[in-house]
Amino acid sequence: MAIKKIEAINVIPFIDIMLVLLAIVLTTATFIAKGSIKVDLPNASALAAKVDKPREITITADKKLYLDGKMTDTSSLVAQLGKTPKETTIIINGDAKVEYNYFVTTIDTLTQAGYVHLSLTTKRN
């Protein structure tokens, strides 16, 4: 008994399935992008979550530390942040000439205090 060789594969059913999936994805994406799905939101007695503006730490070339433009030092940095929520973004602007260890000390101090949304500012070449 001879075995018949398959010389071609019919890909038309595969293309049909892919076109149906593409139509579903595009239809769903249009609803989400345009916001055309109407939702009647319920009322709540609590206020909406307040979005705090980011705090800014600047480190100069001579290792001076500033919090929102006011001079401070690493030891009193957390105390000066005061009641700032731990979810607040803290942006760190550091001079390129400052040694790496000073950055690590500052970031470590903030991390130990519970601040996790830290961002380093750089410039594009």
PDB file of N, CA and C in Angstrom:
ATOM      1  N   MET A   1       0.835  -1.176   0.000  1.00  0.00           N
ATOM      2  CA  MET A   1       0.000   0.000   0.000  1.00  0.00           C
ATOM      3  C   MET A   1       0.888   1.250   0.000  1.00  0.00           C
ATOM      4  N   ALA A   2       0.657   2.137  -0.912  1.00  0.00           N
ATOM      5  CA  ALA A   2       1.462   3.346  -1.067  1.00  0.00           C
ATOM      6  C   ALA A   2       0.876   4.481  -0.242  1.00  0.00           C
ATOM      7  N   ILE A   3       1.750   5.241   0.384  1.00  0.00           N
ATOM      8  CA  ILE A   3       1.328   6.401   1.168  1.00  0.00           C
ATOM      9  C   ILE A   3       1.358   7.625   0.266  1.00  0.00           C
ATOM     10  N   LYS A   4       0.230   8.370   0.296  1.00  0.00           N
ATOM     11  CA  LYS A   4       0.101   9.544  -0.561  1.00  0.00           C
ATOM     12  C   LYS A   4       0.793  10.732   0.109  1.00  0.00           C
ATOM     13  N   LYS A   5       1.648  11.417  -0.595  1.00  0.00           N
ATOM     14  CA  LYS A   5       2.349  12.581  -0.085  1.00  0.00           C
ATOM     15  C   LYS A   5       1.443  13.810  -0.110  1.00  0.00           C
ATOM     16  N   ILE A   6       1.550  14.623   0.944  1.00  0.00           N
ATOM     17  CA  ILE A   6       0.819  15.900   0.972  1.00  0.00           C
ATOM     18  C   ILE A   6       1.785  16.967   0.480  1.00  0.00           C
ATOM     19  N   GLU A   7       1.464  17.561  -0.643  1.00  0.00           N
ATOM     20  CA  GLU A   7       2.363  18.530  -1.243  1.00  0.00           C
ATOM     21  C   GLU A   7       1.975  19.976  -0.942  1.00  0.00           C
ATOM     22  N   ALA A   8       0.792  20.217  -0.423  1.00  0.00           N
ATOM     23  CA  ALA A   8       0.359  21.580  -0.135  1.00  0.00           C
ATOM     24  C   ALA A   8      -0.526  21.573   1.109  1.00  0.00           C
ATOM     25  N   ILE A   9      -0.521  22.678   1.809  1.00  0.00           N
ATOM     26  CA  ILE A   9      -1.370  22.829   2.987  1.00  0.00           C
ATOM     27  C   ILE A   9      -2.385  23.924   2.681  1.00  0.00           C
ATOM     28  N   ASN A  10      -3.628  23.648   2.968  1.00  0.00           N
ATOM     29  CA  ASN A  10      -4.699  24.618   2.730  1.00  0.00           C
ATOM     30  C   ASN A  10      -4.721  25.607   3.902  1.00  0.00           C
ATOM     31  N   VAL A  11      -4.362  26.859   3.663  1.00  0.00           N
ATOM     32  CA  VAL A  11      -4.301  27.874   4.710  1.00  0.00           C
ATOM     33  C   VAL A  11      -5.533  28.773   4.745  1.00  0.00           C
ATOM     34  N   ILE A  12      -6.480  28.551   3.878  1.00  0.00           N
ATOM     35  CA  ILE A  12      -7.676  29.399   3.823  1.00  0.00           C
ATOM     36  C   ILE A  12      -8.470  29.346   5.132  1.00  0.00           C
ATOM     37  N   PRO A  13      -8.706  28.177   5.766  1.00  0.00           N
ATOM     38  CA  PRO A  13      -9.407  28.196   7.057  1.00  0.00           C
ATOM     39  C   PRO A  13      -8.653  28.988   8.125  1.00  0.00           C
ATOM     40  N   PHE A  14      -7.335  28.920   8.107  1.00  0.00           N
ATOM     41  CA  PHE A  14      -6.528  29.682   9.067  1.00  0.00           C
ATOM     42  C   PHE A  14      -6.707  31.185   8.842  1.00  0.00           C
ATOM     43  N   ILE A  15      -6.711  31.621   7.600  1.00  0.00           N
ATOM     44  CA  ILE A  15      -6.903  33.035   7.270  1.00  0.00           C
ATOM     45  C   ILE A  15      -8.297  33.490   7.690  1.00  0.00           C
ATOM     46  N   ASP A  16      -9.312  32.646   7.491  1.00  0.00           N
ATOM     47  CA  ASP A  16     -10.674  32.995   7.916  1.00  0.00           C
ATOM     48  C   ASP A  16     -10.744  33.231   9.416  1.00  0.00           C
ATOM     49  N   ILE A  17     -10.129  32.361  10.185  1.00  0.00           N
ATOM     50  CA  ILE A  17     -10.132  32.503  11.650  1.00  0.00           C
ATOM     51  C   ILE A  17      -9.408  33.782  12.057  1.00  0.00           C
ATOM     52  N   MET A  18      -8.278  34.074  11.450  1.00  0.00           N
ATOM     53  CA  MET A  18      -7.522  35.271  11.788  1.00  0.00           C
ATOM     54  C   MET A  18      -8.307  36.545  11.453  1.00  0.00           C
ATOM     55  N   LEU A  19      -9.046  36.542  10.342  1.00  0.00           N
ATOM     56  CA  LEU A  19      -9.852  37.716   9.986  1.00  0.00           C
ATOM     57  C   LEU A  19     -10.982  37.940  10.991  1.00  0.00           C
ATOM     58  N   VAL A  20     -11.605  36.870  11.465  1.00  0.00           N
ATOM     59  CA  VAL A  20     -12.654  37.001  12.483  1.00  0.00           C
ATOM     60  C   VAL A  20     -12.062  37.559  13.771  1.00  0.00           C
ATOM     61  N   LEU A  21     -10.895  37.040  14.200  1.00  0.00           N
ATOM     62  CA  LEU A  21     -10.250  37.562  15.409  1.00  0.00           C
ATOM     63  C   LEU A  21      -9.857  39.027  15.238  1.00  0.00           C
ATOM     64  N   LEU A  22      -9.370  39.400  14.066  1.00  0.00           N
ATOM     65  CA  LEU A  22      -9.012  40.789  13.804  1.00  0.00           C
ATOM     66  C   LEU A  22     -10.229  41.706  13.888  1.00  0.00           C
ATOM     67  N   ALA A  23     -11.357  41.255  13.339  1.00  0.00           N
ATOM     68  CA  ALA A  23     -12.591  42.046  13.407  1.00  0.00           C
ATOM     69  C   ALA A  23     -13.034  42.240  14.855  1.00  0.00           C
ATOM     70  N   ILE A  24     -12.929  41.210  15.677  1.00  0.00           N
ATOM     71  CA  ILE A  24     -13.306  41.312  17.100  1.00  0.00           C
ATOM     72  C   ILE A  24     -12.401  42.300  17.822  1.00  0.00           C
ATOM     73  N   VAL A  25     -11.100  42.202  17.605  1.00  0.00           N
ATOM     74  CA  VAL A  25     -10.156  43.103  18.274  1.00  0.00           C
ATOM     75  C   VAL A  25     -10.392  44.546  17.850  1.00  0.00           C
ATOM     76  N   LEU A  26     -10.571  44.797  16.571  1.00  0.00           N
ATOM     77  CA  LEU A  26     -10.789  46.167  16.103  1.00  0.00           C
ATOM     78  C   LEU A  26     -12.096  46.745  16.620  1.00  0.00           C
ATOM     79  N   THR A  27     -13.134  45.946  16.683  1.00  0.00           N
ATOM     80  CA  THR A  27     -14.417  46.422  17.210  1.00  0.00           C
ATOM     81  C   THR A  27     -14.296  46.786  18.679  1.00  0.00           C
ATOM     82  N   THR A  28     -13.654  45.936  19.449  1.00  0.00           N
ATOM     83  CA  THR A  28     -13.470  46.203  20.879  1.00  0.00           C
ATOM     84  C   THR A  28     -12.591  47.426  21.094  1.00  0.00           C
ATOM     85  N   ALA A  29     -11.527  47.553  20.341  1.00  0.00           N
ATOM     86  CA  ALA A  29     -10.607  48.683  20.493  1.00  0.00           C
ATOM     87  C   ALA A  29     -11.298  50.005  20.183  1.00  0.00           C
ATOM     88  N   THR A  30     -12.214  50.031  19.224  1.00  0.00           N
ATOM     89  CA  THR A  30     -12.914  51.285  18.912  1.00  0.00           C
ATOM     90  C   THR A  30     -13.821  51.705  20.054  1.00  0.00           C
ATOM     91  N   PHE A  31     -14.472  50.769  20.710  1.00  0.00           N
ATOM     92  CA  PHE A  31     -15.311  51.120  21.849  1.00  0.00           C
ATOM     93  C   PHE A  31     -14.478  51.693  22.984  1.00  0.00           C
ATOM     94  N   ILE A  32     -13.346  51.109  23.235  1.00  0.00           N
ATOM     95  CA  ILE A  32     -12.505  51.559  24.339  1.00  0.00           C
ATOM     96  C   ILE A  32     -11.882  52.908  24.019  1.00  0.00           C
ATOM     97  N   ALA A  33     -11.351  53.088  22.802  1.00  0.00           N
ATOM     98  CA  ALA A  33     -10.666  54.323  22.431  1.00  0.00           C
ATOM     99  C   ALA A  33     -11.607  55.514  22.401  1.00  0.00           C
ATOM    100  N   LYS A  34     -12.796  55.348  21.869  1.00  0.00           N
ATOM    101  CA  LYS A  34     -13.726  56.465  21.754  1.00  0.00           C
ATOM    102  C   LYS A  34     -14.537  56.682  23.014  1.00  0.00           C
ATOM    103  N   GLY A  35     -14.522  55.720  23.920  1.00  0.00           N
ATOM    104  CA  GLY A  35     -15.312  55.852  25.131  1.00  0.00           C
ATOM    105  C   GLY A  35     -16.792  55.829  24.844  1.00  0.00           C
ATOM    106  N   SER A  36     -17.204  55.129  23.806  1.00  0.00           N
ATOM    107  CA  SER A  36     -18.606  55.136  23.420  1.00  0.00           C
ATOM    108  C   SER A  36     -19.441  54.124  24.196  1.00  0.00           C
ATOM    109  N   ILE A  37     -18.835  53.388  25.086  1.00  0.00           N
ATOM    110  CA  ILE A  37     -19.612  52.507  25.956  1.00  0.00           C
ATOM    111  C   ILE A  37     -20.115  53.366  27.110  1.00  0.00           C
ATOM    112  N   LYS A  38     -21.414  53.562  27.168  1.00  0.00           N
ATOM    113  CA  LYS A  38     -22.005  54.433  28.178  1.00  0.00           C
ATOM    114  C   LYS A  38     -22.113  53.699  29.513  1.00  0.00           C
ATOM    115  N   VAL A  39     -21.658  54.346  30.559  1.00  0.00           N
ATOM    116  CA  VAL A  39     -21.724  53.791  31.905  1.00  0.00           C
ATOM    117  C   VAL A  39     -22.267  54.860  32.827  1.00  0.00           C
ATOM    118  N   ASP A  40     -23.297  54.534  33.583  1.00  0.00           N
ATOM    119  CA  ASP A  40     -23.842  55.445  34.574  1.00  0.00           C
ATOM    120  C   ASP A  40     -23.158  55.141  35.899  1.00  0.00           C
ATOM    121  N   LEU A  41     -22.229  56.017  36.306  1.00  0.00           N
ATOM    122  CA  LEU A  41     -21.440  55.766  37.503  1.00  0.00           C
ATOM    123  C   LEU A  41     -22.266  55.994  38.767  1.00  0.00           C
ATOM    124  N   PRO A  42     -22.061  55.149  39.774  1.00  0.00           N
ATOM    125  CA  PRO A  42     -22.784  55.315  41.029  1.00  0.00           C
ATOM    126  C   PRO A  42     -22.206  56.470  41.850  1.00  0.00           C
ATOM    127  N   ASN A  43     -22.994  56.957  42.802  1.00  0.00           N
ATOM    128  CA  ASN A  43     -22.542  58.021  43.693  1.00  0.00           C
ATOM    129  C   ASN A  43     -21.801  57.416  44.870  1.00  0.00           C
ATOM    130  N   ALA A  44     -20.868  58.192  45.425  1.00  0.00           N
ATOM    131  CA  ALA A  44     -20.128  57.751  46.607  1.00  0.00           C
ATOM    132  C   ALA A  44     -20.005  58.930  47.555  1.00  0.00           C
ATOM    133  N   SER A  45     -19.991  58.635  48.838  1.00  0.00           N
ATOM    134  CA  SER A  45     -19.907  59.711  49.815  1.00  0.00           C
ATOM    135  C   SER A  45     -18.471  60.175  50.025  1.00  0.00           C
ATOM    136  N   ALA A  46     -17.500  59.313  49.736  1.00  0.00           N
ATOM    137  CA  ALA A  46     -16.097  59.688  49.909  1.00  0.00           C
ATOM    138  C   ALA A  46     -15.648  60.561  48.749  1.00  0.00           C
ATOM    139  N   LEU A  47     -14.701  61.436  49.028  1.00  0.00           N
ATOM    140  CA  LEU A  47     -14.145  62.288  47.979  1.00  0.00           C
ATOM    141  C   LEU A  47     -13.228  61.474  47.094  1.00  0.00           C
ATOM    142  N   ALA A  48     -13.030  61.939  45.898  1.00  0.00           N
ATOM    143  CA  ALA A  48     -12.106  61.271  44.980  1.00  0.00           C
ATOM    144  C   ALA A  48     -10.693  61.365  45.535  1.00  0.00           C
ATOM    145  N   ALA A  49      -9.868  60.405  45.177  1.00  0.00           N
ATOM    146  CA  ALA A  49      -8.492  60.383  45.664  1.00  0.00           C
ATOM    147  C   ALA A  49      -7.757  61.634  45.184  1.00  0.00           C
ATOM    148  N   LYS A  50      -7.082  62.286  46.094  1.00  0.00           N
ATOM    149  CA  LYS A  50      -6.358  63.500  45.780  1.00  0.00           C
ATOM    150  C   LYS A  50      -5.008  63.124  45.177  1.00  0.00           C
ATOM    151  N   VAL A  51      -4.693  63.713  44.044  1.00  0.00           N
ATOM    152  CA  VAL A  51      -3.416  63.457  43.401  1.00  0.00           C
ATOM    153  C   VAL A  51      -2.455  64.545  43.863  1.00  0.00           C
ATOM    154  N   ASP A  52      -1.409  64.128  44.563  1.00  0.00           N
ATOM    155  CA  ASP A  52      -0.433  65.083  45.064  1.00  0.00           C
ATOM    156  C   ASP A  52       0.572  65.436  43.984  1.00  0.00           C
ATOM    157  N   LYS A  53       0.998  66.685  44.000  1.00  0.00           N
ATOM    158  CA  LYS A  53       2.019  67.073  43.032  1.00  0.00           C
ATOM    159  C   LYS A  53       3.347  66.461  43.475  1.00  0.00           C
ATOM    160  N   PRO A  54       4.199  66.129  42.523  1.00  0.00           N
ATOM    161  CA  PRO A  54       5.468  65.499  42.887  1.00  0.00           C
ATOM    162  C   PRO A  54       6.361  66.442  43.680  1.00  0.00           C
ATOM    163  N   ARG A  55       7.149  65.858  44.564  1.00  0.00           N
ATOM    164  CA  ARG A  55       8.146  66.625  45.315  1.00  0.00           C
ATOM    165  C   ARG A  55       9.452  66.546  44.543  1.00  0.00           C
ATOM    166  N   GLU A  56      10.284  67.559  44.669  1.00  0.00           N
ATOM    167  CA  GLU A  56      11.510  67.622  43.889  1.00  0.00           C
ATOM    168  C   GLU A  56      12.727  67.773  44.785  1.00  0.00           C
ATOM    169  N   ILE A  57      13.681  66.867  44.616  1.00  0.00           N
ATOM    170  CA  ILE A  57      14.945  66.929  45.345  1.00  0.00           C
ATOM    171  C   ILE A  57      16.038  67.270  44.330  1.00  0.00           C
ATOM    172  N   THR A  58      16.866  68.256  44.667  1.00  0.00           N
ATOM    173  CA  THR A  58      17.962  68.659  43.787  1.00  0.00           C
ATOM    174  C   THR A  58      19.276  68.473  44.520  1.00  0.00           C
ATOM    175  N   ILE A  59      20.240  67.847  43.833  1.00  0.00           N
ATOM    176  CA  ILE A  59      21.576  67.646  44.395  1.00  0.00           C
ATOM    177  C   ILE A  59      22.543  68.410  43.499  1.00  0.00           C
ATOM    178  N   THR A  60      23.232  69.399  44.087  1.00  0.00           N
ATOM    179  CA  THR A  60      24.158  70.224  43.307  1.00  0.00           C
ATOM    180  C   THR A  60      25.529  69.558  43.221  1.00  0.00           C
ATOM    181  N   ALA A  61      26.417  70.137  42.408  1.00  0.00           N
ATOM    182  CA  ALA A  61      27.753  69.578  42.213  1.00  0.00           C
ATOM    183  C   ALA A  61      28.563  69.561  43.507  1.00  0.00           C
ATOM    184  N   ASP A  62      28.284  70.512  44.394  1.00  0.00           N
ATOM    185  CA  ASP A  62      29.022  70.544  45.665  1.00  0.00           C
ATOM    186  C   ASP A  62      28.274  69.814  46.784  1.00  0.00           C
ATOM    187  N   LYS A  63      27.427  68.867  46.412  1.00  0.00           N
ATOM    188  CA  LYS A  63      26.699  67.963  47.324  1.00  0.00           C
ATOM    189  C   LYS A  63      25.728  68.689  48.255  1.00  0.00           C
ATOM    190  N   LYS A  64      25.166  69.797  47.809  1.00  0.00           N
ATOM    191  CA  LYS A  64      24.130  70.455  48.589  1.00  0.00           C
ATOM    192  C   LYS A  64      22.795  69.864  48.163  1.00  0.00           C
ATOM    193  N   LEU A  65      21.936  69.608  49.133  1.00  0.00           N
ATOM    194  CA  LEU A  65      20.660  68.945  48.900  1.00  0.00           C
ATOM    195  C   LEU A  65      19.532  69.946  49.111  1.00  0.00           C
ATOM    196  N   TYR A  66      18.612  70.017  48.147  1.00  0.00           N
ATOM    197  CA  TYR A  66      17.473  70.921  48.225  1.00  0.00           C
ATOM    198  C   TYR A  66      16.187  70.126  48.068  1.00  0.00           C
ATOM    199  N   LEU A  67      15.199  70.416  48.906  1.00  0.00           N
ATOM    200  CA  LEU A  67      13.869  69.824  48.797  1.00  0.00           C
ATOM    201  C   LEU A  67      12.916  70.941  48.400  1.00  0.00           C
ATOM    202  N   ASP A  68      12.364  70.849  47.203  1.00  0.00           N
ATOM    203  CA  ASP A  68      11.469  71.874  46.663  1.00  0.00           C
ATOM    204  C   ASP A  68      12.082  73.268  46.754  1.00  0.00           C
ATOM    205  N   GLY A  69      13.384  73.372  46.465  1.00  0.00           N
ATOM    206  CA  GLY A  69      14.066  74.659  46.441  1.00  0.00           C
ATOM    207  C   GLY A  69      14.600  75.131  47.776  1.00  0.00           C
ATOM    208  N   LYS A  70      14.340  74.403  48.861  1.00  0.00           N
ATOM    209  CA  LYS A  70      14.837  74.804  50.187  1.00  0.00           C
ATOM    210  C   LYS A  70      15.964  73.866  50.598  1.00  0.00           C
ATOM    211  N   MET A  71      17.063  74.450  51.069  1.00  0.00           N
ATOM    212  CA  MET A  71      18.239  73.663  51.423  1.00  0.00           C
ATOM    213  C   MET A  71      17.947  72.749  52.611  1.00  0.00           C
ATOM    214  N   THR A  72      18.475  71.518  52.541  1.00  0.00           N
ATOM    215  CA  THR A  72      18.308  70.530  53.602  1.00  0.00           C
ATOM    216  C   THR A  72      19.528  69.612  53.585  1.00  0.00           C
ATOM    217  N   ASP A  73      19.515  68.561  54.393  1.00  0.00           N
ATOM    218  CA  ASP A  73      20.562  67.547  54.333  1.00  0.00           C
ATOM    219  C   ASP A  73      19.918  66.170  54.410  1.00  0.00           C
ATOM    220  N   THR A  74      20.711  65.143  54.180  1.00  0.00           N
ATOM    221  CA  THR A  74      20.172  63.783  54.095  1.00  0.00           C
ATOM    222  C   THR A  74      19.518  63.349  55.400  1.00  0.00           C
ATOM    223  N   SER A  75      20.089  63.753  56.530  1.00  0.00           N
ATOM    224  CA  SER A  75      19.551  63.300  57.817  1.00  0.00           C
ATOM    225  C   SER A  75      18.183  63.894  58.129  1.00  0.00           C
ATOM    226  N   SER A  76      17.907  65.122  57.684  1.00  0.00           N
ATOM    227  CA  SER A  76      16.617  65.735  57.991  1.00  0.00           C
ATOM    228  C   SER A  76      15.649  65.709  56.799  1.00  0.00           C
ATOM    229  N   LEU A  77      16.028  65.009  55.737  1.00  0.00           N
ATOM    230  CA  LEU A  77      15.199  64.963  54.537  1.00  0.00           C
ATOM    231  C   LEU A  77      13.832  64.355  54.805  1.00  0.00           C
ATOM    232  N   VAL A  78      13.795  63.214  55.486  1.00  0.00           N
ATOM    233  CA  VAL A  78      12.529  62.528  55.754  1.00  0.00           C
ATOM    234  C   VAL A  78      11.644  63.373  56.668  1.00  0.00           C
ATOM    235  N   ALA A  79      12.247  64.037  57.657  1.00  0.00           N
ATOM    236  CA  ALA A  79      11.472  64.890  58.558  1.00  0.00           C
ATOM    237  C   ALA A  79      10.853  66.055  57.794  1.00  0.00           C
ATOM    238  N   GLN A  80      11.579  66.591  56.818  1.00  0.00           N
ATOM    239  CA  GLN A  80      11.055  67.714  56.047  1.00  0.00           C
ATOM    240  C   GLN A  80       9.978  67.281  55.063  1.00  0.00           C
ATOM    241  N   LEU A  81      10.018  66.010  54.645  1.00  0.00           N
ATOM    242  CA  LEU A  81       8.930  65.515  53.802  1.00  0.00           C
ATOM    243  C   LEU A  81       7.634  65.459  54.604  1.00  0.00           C
ATOM    244  N   GLY A  82       7.756  65.338  55.908  1.00  0.00           N
ATOM    245  CA  GLY A  82       6.611  65.432  56.810  1.00  0.00           C
ATOM    246  C   GLY A  82       5.484  64.477  56.497  1.00  0.00           C
ATOM    247  N   LYS A  83       4.313  65.049  56.276  1.00  0.00           N
ATOM    248  CA  LYS A  83       3.104  64.248  56.054  1.00  0.00           C
ATOM    249  C   LYS A  83       2.863  63.945  54.585  1.00  0.00           C
ATOM    250  N   THR A  84       3.904  64.057  53.776  1.00  0.00           N
ATOM    251  CA  THR A  84       3.767  63.734  52.364  1.00  0.00           C
ATOM    252  C   THR A  84       3.402  62.260  52.236  1.00  0.00           C
ATOM    253  N   PRO A  85       2.313  61.931  51.526  1.00  0.00           N
ATOM    254  CA  PRO A  85       1.930  60.516  51.377  1.00  0.00           C
ATOM    255  C   PRO A  85       3.037  59.697  50.724  1.00  0.00           C
ATOM    256  N   LYS A  86       3.153  58.458  51.131  1.00  0.00           N
ATOM    257  CA  LYS A  86       4.213  57.573  50.622  1.00  0.00           C
ATOM    258  C   LYS A  86       4.058  57.284  49.133  1.00  0.00           C
ATOM    259  N   GLU A  87       2.866  57.504  48.559  1.00  0.00           N
ATOM    260  CA  GLU A  87       2.630  57.242  47.140  1.00  0.00           C
ATOM    261  C   GLU A  87       3.059  58.413  46.254  1.00  0.00           C
ATOM    262  N   THR A  88       3.464  59.516  46.861  1.00  0.00           N
ATOM    263  CA  THR A  88       3.853  60.703  46.113  1.00  0.00           C
ATOM    264  C   THR A  88       5.126  60.432  45.320  1.00  0.00           C
ATOM    265  N   THR A  89       5.155  60.909  44.086  1.00  0.00           N
ATOM    266  CA  THR A  89       6.358  60.780  43.263  1.00  0.00           C
ATOM    267  C   THR A  89       7.389  61.788  43.729  1.00  0.00           C
ATOM    268  N   ILE A  90       8.618  61.313  43.878  1.00  0.00           N
ATOM    269  CA  ILE A  90       9.726  62.193  44.252  1.00  0.00           C
ATOM    270  C   ILE A  90      10.704  62.200  43.089  1.00  0.00           C
ATOM    271  N   ILE A  91      10.930  63.387  42.529  1.00  0.00           N
ATOM    272  CA  ILE A  91      11.824  63.547  41.389  1.00  0.00           C
ATOM    273  C   ILE A  91      13.178  64.015  41.906  1.00  0.00           C
ATOM    274  N   ILE A  92      14.235  63.302  41.516  1.00  0.00           N
ATOM    275  CA  ILE A  92      15.581  63.639  41.968  1.00  0.00           C
ATOM    276  C   ILE A  92      16.369  64.209  40.789  1.00  0.00           C
ATOM    277  N   ASN A  93      16.775  65.474  40.920  1.00  0.00           N
ATOM    278  CA  ASN A  93      17.617  66.144  39.926  1.00  0.00           C
ATOM    279  C   ASN A  93      19.018  66.199  40.502  1.00  0.00           C
ATOM    280  N   GLY A  94      19.942  65.529  39.872  1.00  0.00           N
ATOM    281  CA  GLY A  94      21.302  65.517  40.395  1.00  0.00           C
ATOM    282  C   GLY A  94      22.310  65.960  39.359  1.00  0.00           C
ATOM    283  N   ASP A  95      23.294  66.711  39.817  1.00  0.00           N
ATOM    284  CA  ASP A  95      24.373  67.146  38.938  1.00  0.00           C
ATOM    285  C   ASP A  95      25.191  65.927  38.526  1.00  0.00           C
ATOM    286  N   ALA A  96      25.662  65.930  37.281  1.00  0.00           N
ATOM    287  CA  ALA A  96      26.421  64.795  36.757  1.00  0.00           C
ATOM    288  C   ALA A  96      27.750  64.599  37.487  1.00  0.00           C
ATOM    289  N   LYS A  97      28.251  65.628  38.147  1.00  0.00           N
ATOM    290  CA  LYS A  97      29.547  65.540  38.828  1.00  0.00           C
ATOM    291  C   LYS A  97      29.447  64.952  40.234  1.00  0.00           C
ATOM    292  N   VAL A  98      28.234  64.789  40.744  1.00  0.00           N
ATOM    293  CA  VAL A  98      28.066  64.235  42.097  1.00  0.00           C
ATOM    294  C   VAL A  98      28.380  62.751  42.058  1.00  0.00           C
ATOM    295  N   GLU A  99      29.132  62.294  43.051  1.00  0.00           N
ATOM    296  CA  GLU A  99      29.509  60.883  43.063  1.00  0.00           C
ATOM    297  C   GLU A  99      28.292  59.989  43.306  1.00  0.00           C
ATOM    298  N   TYR A 100      28.364  58.796  42.758  1.00  0.00           N
ATOM    299  CA  TYR A 100      27.265  57.818  42.780  1.00  0.00           C
ATOM    300  C   TYR A 100      26.812  57.488  44.205  1.00  0.00           C
ATOM    301  N   ASN A 101      27.749  57.414  45.119  1.00  0.00           N
ATOM    302  CA  ASN A 101      27.428  57.052  46.506  1.00  0.00           C
ATOM    303  C   ASN A 101      26.446  58.036  47.138  1.00  0.00           C
ATOM    304  N   TYR A 102      26.540  59.302  46.786  1.00  0.00           N
ATOM    305  CA  TYR A 102      25.629  60.304  47.349  1.00  0.00           C
ATOM    306  C   TYR A 102      24.195  60.080  46.864  1.00  0.00           C
ATOM    307  N   PHE A 103      24.054  59.703  45.579  1.00  0.00           N
ATOM    308  CA  PHE A 103      22.733  59.340  45.056  1.00  0.00           C
ATOM    309  C   PHE A 103      22.165  58.143  45.811  1.00  0.00           C
ATOM    310  N   VAL A 104      22.994  57.116  45.979  1.00  0.00           N
ATOM    311  CA  VAL A 104      22.547  55.891  46.646  1.00  0.00           C
ATOM    312  C   VAL A 104      22.119  56.187  48.071  1.00  0.00           C
ATOM    313  N   THR A 105      22.875  57.010  48.785  1.00  0.00           N
ATOM    314  CA  THR A 105      22.517  57.368  50.158  1.00  0.00           C
ATOM    315  C   THR A 105      21.174  58.092  50.207  1.00  0.00           C
ATOM    316  N   THR A 106      20.964  59.025  49.295  1.00  0.00           N
ATOM    317  CA  THR A 106      19.698  59.770  49.250  1.00  0.00           C
ATOM    318  C   THR A 106      18.529  58.843  48.928  1.00  0.00           C
ATOM    319  N   ILE A 107      18.691  57.994  47.916  1.00  0.00           N
ATOM    320  CA  ILE A 107      17.620  57.074  47.528  1.00  0.00           C
ATOM    321  C   ILE A 107      17.356  56.062  48.636  1.00  0.00           C
ATOM    322  N   ASP A 108      18.418  55.591  49.293  1.00  0.00           N
ATOM    323  CA  ASP A 108      18.251  54.630  50.386  1.00  0.00           C
ATOM    324  C   ASP A 108      17.484  55.257  51.547  1.00  0.00           C
ATOM    325  N   THR A 109      17.773  56.505  51.858  1.00  0.00           N
ATOM    326  CA  THR A 109      17.055  57.207  52.927  1.00  0.00           C
ATOM    327  C   THR A 109      15.564  57.302  52.605  1.00  0.00           C
ATOM    328  N   LEU A 110      15.242  57.641  51.370  1.00  0.00           N
ATOM    329  CA  LEU A 110      13.843  57.756  50.965  1.00  0.00           C
ATOM    330  C   LEU A 110      13.142  56.394  50.958  1.00  0.00           C
ATOM    331  N   THR A 111      13.836  55.362  50.487  1.00  0.00           N
ATOM    332  CA  THR A 111      13.255  54.022  50.430  1.00  0.00           C
ATOM    333  C   THR A 111      12.982  53.488  51.834  1.00  0.00           C
ATOM    334  N   GLN A 112      13.906  53.692  52.756  1.00  0.00           N
ATOM    335  CA  GLN A 112      13.701  53.243  54.132  1.00  0.00           C
ATOM    336  C   GLN A 112      12.532  53.963  54.788  1.00  0.00           C
ATOM    337  N   ALA A 113      12.255  55.191  54.352  1.00  0.00           N
ATOM    338  CA  ALA A 113      11.123  55.940  54.899  1.00  0.00           C
ATOM    339  C   ALA A 113       9.803  55.510  54.263  1.00  0.00           C
ATOM    340  N   GLY A 114       9.868  54.647  53.224  1.00  0.00           N
ATOM    341  CA  GLY A 114       8.648  54.124  52.619  1.00  0.00           C
ATOM    342  C   GLY A 114       8.267  54.749  51.296  1.00  0.00           C
ATOM    343  N   TYR A 115       9.093  55.662  50.789  1.00  0.00           N
ATOM    344  CA  TYR A 115       8.803  56.288  49.496  1.00  0.00           C
ATOM    345  C   TYR A 115       9.335  55.379  48.388  1.00  0.00           C
ATOM    346  N   VAL A 116       8.445  54.958  47.496  1.00  0.00           N
ATOM    347  CA  VAL A 116       8.851  54.001  46.464  1.00  0.00           C
ATOM    348  C   VAL A 116       8.747  54.572  45.043  1.00  0.00           C
ATOM    349  N   HIS A 117       8.075  55.683  44.872  1.00  0.00           N
ATOM    350  CA  HIS A 117       7.926  56.288  43.537  1.00  0.00           C
ATOM    351  C   HIS A 117       9.001  57.349  43.358  1.00  0.00           C
ATOM    352  N   LEU A 118      10.222  56.878  43.057  1.00  0.00           N
ATOM    353  CA  LEU A 118      11.366  57.769  42.893  1.00  0.00           C
ATOM    354  C   LEU A 118      11.729  57.836  41.418  1.00  0.00           C
ATOM    355  N   SER A 119      12.111  59.018  40.968  1.00  0.00           N
ATOM    356  CA  SER A 119      12.443  59.208  39.563  1.00  0.00           C
ATOM    357  C   SER A 119      13.692  60.066  39.451  1.00  0.00           C
ATOM    358  N   LEU A 120      14.652  59.637  38.614  1.00  0.00           N
ATOM    359  CA  LEU A 120      15.860  60.416  38.376  1.00  0.00           C
ATOM    360  C   LEU A 120      15.703  61.174  37.068  1.00  0.00           C
ATOM    361  N   THR A 121      16.020  62.459  37.078  1.00  0.00           N
ATOM    362  CA  THR A 121      15.919  63.277  35.885  1.00  0.00           C
ATOM    363  C   THR A 121      17.243  63.226  35.130  1.00  0.00           C
ATOM    364  N   THR A 122      17.165  63.002  33.822  1.00  0.00           N
ATOM    365  CA  THR A 122      18.343  63.015  32.967  1.00  0.00           C
ATOM    366  C   THR A 122      18.070  63.899  31.768  1.00  0.00           C
ATOM    367  N   LYS A 123      19.108  64.179  30.997  1.00  0.00           N
ATOM    368  CA  LYS A 123      18.892  64.926  29.763  1.00  0.00           C
ATOM    369  C   LYS A 123      19.310  64.051  28.589  1.00  0.00           C
ATOM    370  N   ARG A 124      18.644  64.251  27.474  1.00  0.00           N
ATOM    371  CA  ARG A 124      18.892  63.468  26.261  1.00  0.00           C
ATOM    372  C   ARG A 124      20.125  64.028  25.550  1.00  0.00           C
ATOM    373  N   ASN A 125      20.973  63.121  25.049  1.00  0.00           N
ATOM    374  CA  ASN A 125      22.177  63.543  24.304  1.00  0.00           C
ATOM    375  C   ASN A 125      21.813  64.115  22.975  1.00  0.00           C
TER     376      ASN A 125
END
